[in-house]
Every structure is written in C-alpha cells, then in structure tokens.
N, C-alpha and C. Protein backbone atom coordinates (compact mmCIF):
# COMPACT_ATOMS: atom_id res chain seq x y z
N UNK A 1 121.96 97.70 133.29
CA UNK A 1 120.81 96.52 132.99
C UNK A 1 121.62 95.36 131.85
N UNK A 2 121.04 94.14 132.54
CA UNK A 2 121.43 92.97 131.79
C UNK A 2 121.65 92.85 129.99
N UNK A 3 122.05 91.86 129.45
CA UNK A 3 121.83 91.91 128.14
C UNK A 3 120.53 90.86 128.16
N UNK A 4 119.72 90.99 126.87
CA UNK A 4 118.60 89.99 126.56
C UNK A 4 119.24 88.78 125.89
N UNK A 5 119.88 87.84 126.58
CA UNK A 5 119.82 86.87 125.36
C UNK A 5 118.71 86.19 124.36
N UNK A 6 117.43 86.35 124.87
CA UNK A 6 116.52 85.81 124.03
C UNK A 6 116.14 86.58 122.49
N UNK A 7 116.37 87.84 122.97
CA UNK A 7 116.14 88.61 121.88
C UNK A 7 117.24 89.78 121.06
N UNK A 8 118.26 89.37 121.84
CA UNK A 8 119.72 90.17 121.30
C UNK A 8 119.46 91.48 121.66
N UNK A 9 119.78 92.43 120.53
CA UNK A 9 120.00 93.87 120.73
C UNK A 9 118.66 94.89 120.85
N UNK A 10 117.31 93.94 121.33
CA UNK A 10 116.40 94.75 121.37
C UNK A 10 116.40 95.72 122.52
N UNK A 11 116.21 97.15 122.09
CA UNK A 11 116.31 97.98 123.08
C UNK A 11 114.95 98.43 123.87
N UNK A 12 114.56 99.34 124.76
CA UNK A 12 113.57 99.82 125.34
C UNK A 12 112.83 100.68 124.21
N UNK A 13 113.88 101.37 123.60
CA UNK A 13 113.14 102.26 122.66
C UNK A 13 112.36 101.68 121.37
N UNK A 14 113.47 100.22 120.85
CA UNK A 14 112.67 99.73 120.13
C UNK A 14 111.27 98.91 120.41
N UNK A 15 111.19 98.65 121.60
CA UNK A 15 109.98 97.87 122.48
C UNK A 15 108.70 99.13 122.78
N UNK A 16 109.49 100.46 122.75
CA UNK A 16 108.14 101.20 123.00
C UNK A 16 107.67 101.75 121.66
N UNK A 17 108.58 101.73 120.55
CA UNK A 17 108.21 102.28 119.26
C UNK A 17 107.26 101.18 118.62
N UNK A 18 107.33 99.80 118.99
CA UNK A 18 106.56 98.72 118.53
C UNK A 18 105.31 98.55 119.23
N UNK A 19 105.01 98.95 120.52
CA UNK A 19 103.89 99.12 121.33
C UNK A 19 103.02 100.43 120.82
N UNK A 20 103.48 101.66 120.60
CA UNK A 20 102.94 102.46 120.47
C UNK A 20 102.71 102.88 118.91
N UNK A 21 102.86 101.62 117.92
CA UNK A 21 102.38 101.81 116.48
C UNK A 21 101.14 101.42 116.56
N UNK A 22 100.35 102.43 115.63
CA UNK A 22 98.76 102.41 115.52
C UNK A 22 98.58 100.87 115.09
N UNK A 23 97.08 100.40 115.53
CA UNK A 23 97.01 99.15 115.22
C UNK A 23 95.57 99.46 114.96
N UNK A 24 95.31 98.44 113.92
CA UNK A 24 94.02 98.78 112.94
C UNK A 24 92.89 98.43 113.87
N UNK A 25 91.80 98.85 113.78
CA UNK A 25 90.72 98.37 114.41
C UNK A 25 89.85 97.18 113.72
N UNK A 26 89.58 95.93 113.91
CA UNK A 26 89.17 94.71 113.24
C UNK A 26 87.87 94.91 113.44
N UNK A 27 87.10 93.94 112.76
CA UNK A 27 85.72 93.35 113.34
C UNK A 27 85.61 92.81 114.73
N UNK A 28 84.74 92.87 115.29
CA UNK A 28 84.30 92.01 116.83
C UNK A 28 84.20 90.52 116.40
N UNK A 29 84.23 89.71 117.62
CA UNK A 29 84.05 88.43 117.26
C UNK A 29 82.49 88.20 117.11
N UNK A 30 81.91 89.03 117.65
CA UNK A 30 80.23 88.87 117.32
C UNK A 30 80.17 89.21 116.10
N UNK A 31 80.62 90.44 115.52
CA UNK A 31 80.52 90.86 114.15
C UNK A 31 80.64 89.45 113.17
N UNK A 32 82.09 88.88 113.76
CA UNK A 32 82.56 87.76 112.85
C UNK A 32 81.70 86.58 112.77
N UNK A 33 81.20 86.37 113.79
CA UNK A 33 80.32 84.98 114.19
C UNK A 33 79.14 85.30 113.48
N UNK A 34 78.49 86.80 113.15
CA UNK A 34 77.32 86.89 112.58
C UNK A 34 77.20 86.75 110.90
N UNK A 35 78.39 86.79 110.67
CA UNK A 35 78.69 86.78 109.01
C UNK A 35 78.68 85.52 108.75
N UNK A 36 79.31 84.40 109.20
CA UNK A 36 79.13 83.15 109.08
C UNK A 36 80.54 82.49 108.49
N UNK A 37 80.56 81.64 108.09
CA UNK A 37 82.03 80.98 107.68
C UNK A 37 82.66 81.60 106.54
N UNK A 38 84.15 81.80 106.53
CA UNK A 38 84.80 82.32 105.45
C UNK A 38 85.15 81.15 104.65
N UNK A 39 85.81 81.64 103.64
CA UNK A 39 86.88 80.39 102.75
C UNK A 39 88.09 81.22 102.39
N UNK A 40 89.41 80.59 102.37
CA UNK A 40 90.56 81.01 102.32
C UNK A 40 90.91 80.53 100.64
N UNK A 41 91.27 81.88 99.77
CA UNK A 41 91.86 81.76 98.52
C UNK A 41 93.28 80.91 98.50
N UNK A 42 93.37 80.10 97.37
CA UNK A 42 94.31 79.37 97.27
C UNK A 42 95.76 80.42 97.02
N UNK A 43 95.19 81.47 96.27
CA UNK A 43 96.17 82.47 95.92
C UNK A 43 95.14 83.72 96.36
N UNK A 44 96.05 84.40 97.18
CA UNK A 44 95.10 85.44 98.05
C UNK A 44 95.15 86.87 96.71
N UNK A 45 93.96 87.26 96.49
CA UNK A 45 94.15 88.05 95.53
C UNK A 45 94.46 89.49 96.16
N UNK A 46 95.26 90.38 95.02
CA UNK A 46 95.44 92.02 95.73
C UNK A 46 94.10 92.65 95.52
N UNK A 47 94.10 93.69 96.77
CA UNK A 47 92.92 94.45 96.69
C UNK A 47 93.24 95.66 97.34
N UNK A 48 92.54 96.77 97.18
CA UNK A 48 92.38 97.70 98.28
C UNK A 48 91.07 97.80 99.13
N UNK A 49 91.63 98.22 100.61
CA UNK A 49 90.64 98.20 101.58
C UNK A 49 90.77 99.20 102.49
N UNK A 50 89.79 99.75 102.90
CA UNK A 50 89.41 100.84 103.78
C UNK A 50 89.35 100.16 105.03
N UNK A 51 90.81 100.86 106.25
CA UNK A 51 90.90 99.86 107.33
C UNK A 51 90.83 101.07 108.50
N UNK A 52 90.39 100.97 109.43
CA UNK A 52 90.25 101.78 110.53
C UNK A 52 91.38 102.02 111.30
N UNK A 53 91.73 102.83 112.03
CA UNK A 53 92.70 103.35 113.12
C UNK A 53 92.00 104.19 113.83
N UNK A 54 92.54 104.18 115.13
CA UNK A 54 91.88 105.40 116.03
C UNK A 54 91.89 106.59 115.66
N UNK A 55 92.96 106.92 114.94
CA UNK A 55 93.23 108.24 114.51
C UNK A 55 92.35 108.42 113.12
N UNK A 56 92.39 107.85 112.40
CA UNK A 56 91.81 107.97 111.05
C UNK A 56 91.29 106.65 110.29
N UNK A 57 90.72 106.79 109.32
CA UNK A 57 90.35 105.40 108.20
C UNK A 57 91.69 105.73 106.81
N UNK A 58 92.07 104.63 106.55
CA UNK A 58 93.12 104.72 105.48
C UNK A 58 93.07 103.53 104.51
N UNK A 59 92.81 103.99 103.39
CA UNK A 59 92.84 103.05 102.33
C UNK A 59 94.26 102.35 102.00
N UNK A 60 94.29 101.01 101.99
CA UNK A 60 95.59 100.20 101.85
C UNK A 60 95.49 98.85 101.00
N UNK A 61 96.86 98.93 100.18
CA UNK A 61 96.80 97.94 99.31
C UNK A 61 97.21 96.76 100.09
N UNK A 62 96.59 95.31 99.74
CA UNK A 62 96.73 94.02 100.39
C UNK A 62 96.77 93.09 99.84
N UNK A 63 96.23 92.30 100.56
CA UNK A 63 96.00 90.37 100.18
C UNK A 63 94.46 90.41 100.85
N UNK A 64 93.79 89.57 100.46
CA UNK A 64 92.47 89.04 101.06
C UNK A 64 92.97 87.43 101.59
N UNK A 65 92.99 87.26 102.99
CA UNK A 65 93.48 86.04 103.26
C UNK A 65 92.18 85.22 103.23
N UNK A 66 90.97 85.75 103.69
CA UNK A 66 89.90 85.09 103.76
C UNK A 66 88.57 85.88 103.78
N UNK A 67 87.68 85.20 103.25
CA UNK A 67 86.33 86.04 103.23
C UNK A 67 85.31 85.31 102.72
N UNK A 68 83.85 85.88 102.99
CA UNK A 68 82.67 85.51 102.42
C UNK A 68 81.90 86.90 102.02
N UNK A 69 80.62 86.89 101.89
CA UNK A 69 79.82 88.03 101.24
C UNK A 69 80.04 88.98 101.92
N UNK A 70 79.98 88.59 103.40
CA UNK A 70 79.96 90.10 104.24
C UNK A 70 81.45 90.64 104.72
N UNK A 71 82.44 89.75 104.82
CA UNK A 71 83.64 90.14 105.88
C UNK A 71 84.88 89.94 104.92
N UNK A 72 85.99 90.37 105.10
CA UNK A 72 87.01 89.90 104.53
C UNK A 72 88.23 90.22 105.32
N UNK A 73 89.21 89.24 105.48
CA UNK A 73 90.38 89.72 106.32
C UNK A 73 91.60 90.11 105.30
N UNK A 74 92.16 91.20 105.62
CA UNK A 74 92.89 91.66 104.70
C UNK A 74 94.59 91.74 105.39
N UNK A 75 95.32 91.52 104.76
CA UNK A 75 96.55 91.52 105.15
C UNK A 75 97.65 92.52 104.25
N UNK A 76 98.12 93.34 104.98
CA UNK A 76 98.68 94.76 104.20
C UNK A 76 100.51 95.17 104.89
N UNK A 77 100.96 95.43 103.94
CA UNK A 77 102.52 95.85 104.50
C UNK A 77 102.41 97.39 104.86
N UNK A 78 102.88 97.64 106.28
CA UNK A 78 103.11 98.93 106.72
C UNK A 78 104.57 99.46 106.58
N UNK A 79 104.59 100.64 106.70
CA UNK A 79 105.97 101.32 106.62
C UNK A 79 106.64 101.11 107.73
N UNK A 80 108.02 101.07 107.24
CA UNK A 80 109.36 100.44 107.98
C UNK A 80 108.95 99.16 108.56
N UNK A 81 108.59 98.21 107.54
CA UNK A 81 108.78 96.71 107.31
C UNK A 81 107.44 96.19 108.29
N UNK A 82 107.04 94.97 108.33
CA UNK A 82 106.15 93.89 108.85
C UNK A 82 104.62 94.11 108.04
N UNK A 83 103.81 93.66 108.56
CA UNK A 83 102.54 93.56 107.93
C UNK A 83 101.43 93.86 109.15
N UNK A 84 100.05 94.09 108.61
CA UNK A 84 99.02 93.84 109.78
C UNK A 84 98.07 93.45 109.24
N UNK A 85 97.08 92.89 109.96
CA UNK A 85 95.73 92.17 109.17
C UNK A 85 94.69 92.90 110.09
N UNK A 86 93.82 93.06 109.32
CA UNK A 86 92.30 93.40 109.66
C UNK A 86 91.17 92.76 109.29
N UNK A 87 90.20 92.60 109.74
CA UNK A 87 89.07 92.06 109.49
C UNK A 87 88.07 93.32 109.07
N UNK A 88 87.53 93.36 107.89
CA UNK A 88 86.75 94.47 107.43
C UNK A 88 85.60 94.19 106.72
N UNK A 89 84.47 94.79 106.84
CA UNK A 89 83.20 94.54 106.12
C UNK A 89 83.49 94.48 104.28
N UNK A 90 82.90 93.55 104.09
CA UNK A 90 83.23 93.29 102.38
C UNK A 90 83.31 94.30 101.69
N UNK A 91 81.94 95.43 101.94
CA UNK A 91 81.86 96.44 101.24
C UNK A 91 83.14 97.43 101.36
N UNK A 92 83.95 97.46 102.26
CA UNK A 92 85.21 98.29 102.08
C UNK A 92 86.61 97.78 101.21
N UNK A 93 86.08 96.68 100.54
CA UNK A 93 87.17 96.21 99.72
C UNK A 93 86.93 96.36 98.44
N UNK A 94 87.89 96.41 97.32
CA UNK A 94 87.69 96.64 96.13
C UNK A 94 88.82 96.31 95.34
N UNK A 95 88.79 95.60 93.88
CA UNK A 95 89.89 95.35 93.28
C UNK A 95 90.61 96.86 92.75
N UNK A 96 92.01 96.49 92.74
CA UNK A 96 92.70 97.52 92.41
C UNK A 96 92.52 98.06 90.86
N UNK A 97 92.46 99.05 90.50
CA UNK A 97 92.32 99.17 89.00
C UNK A 97 93.41 99.14 88.08
N UNK A 98 93.20 98.60 87.20
CA UNK A 98 94.39 98.52 86.23
C UNK A 98 94.89 99.82 85.60
N UNK A 99 96.02 99.98 85.31
CA UNK A 99 96.78 101.11 84.30
C UNK A 99 96.36 101.40 83.30
N UNK A 100 95.87 102.29 82.62
CA UNK A 100 95.20 101.99 81.22
C UNK A 100 96.60 101.88 80.27
C-alpha cells in the first residue's frame, strides 16, 4: 500500500475509528426552518445541553454558537479530542449551576 502524501500517517484503523464514532442526532432542516432566524452571540455562553445519539441521550457541557427562543446550536468537546455540534430544542439547554 502506498503512502498517503496528503494526510501523512493516517491508517485505515484511524479512518475506521473516525467513521464509526457516534454522531449526534441534530434537528432536521425542516425543524430549523420552522424555528425562524437565529442570532450568534459575540461570546458563546457555557451551557449544559441534552444531545441525542442513536444509542442514548447524554447531557454535555458546551457552548451555544447560535440560538433563538426555540432552538440552539451547541458545540461541545468529545473524549479523545475534537468537538461536535448539534442543533437541539432550546428547552434541552440550561445554564450550568455555579458551585456553592
């Protein structure tokens, strides 16, 4: 097998690991259109959000990149490095509680 000059030392094992990572289930284009225009905050606030995956729903800590009264685009870090983004219903998003 030849060396991949564009991507360096990427192995098939690494490619398969990336492709089989769970991806969040985001809102559909139709759901986003029905929610209307969103705004992008200058300083994305830290939030907790419930994000759906095919196997489970998990609460993540992340940042809101865009929102309106019905939806929010949440970006969050994932184990092993990298980030994921998902559009969720606004009711799935809360501010993290401050430590007493």
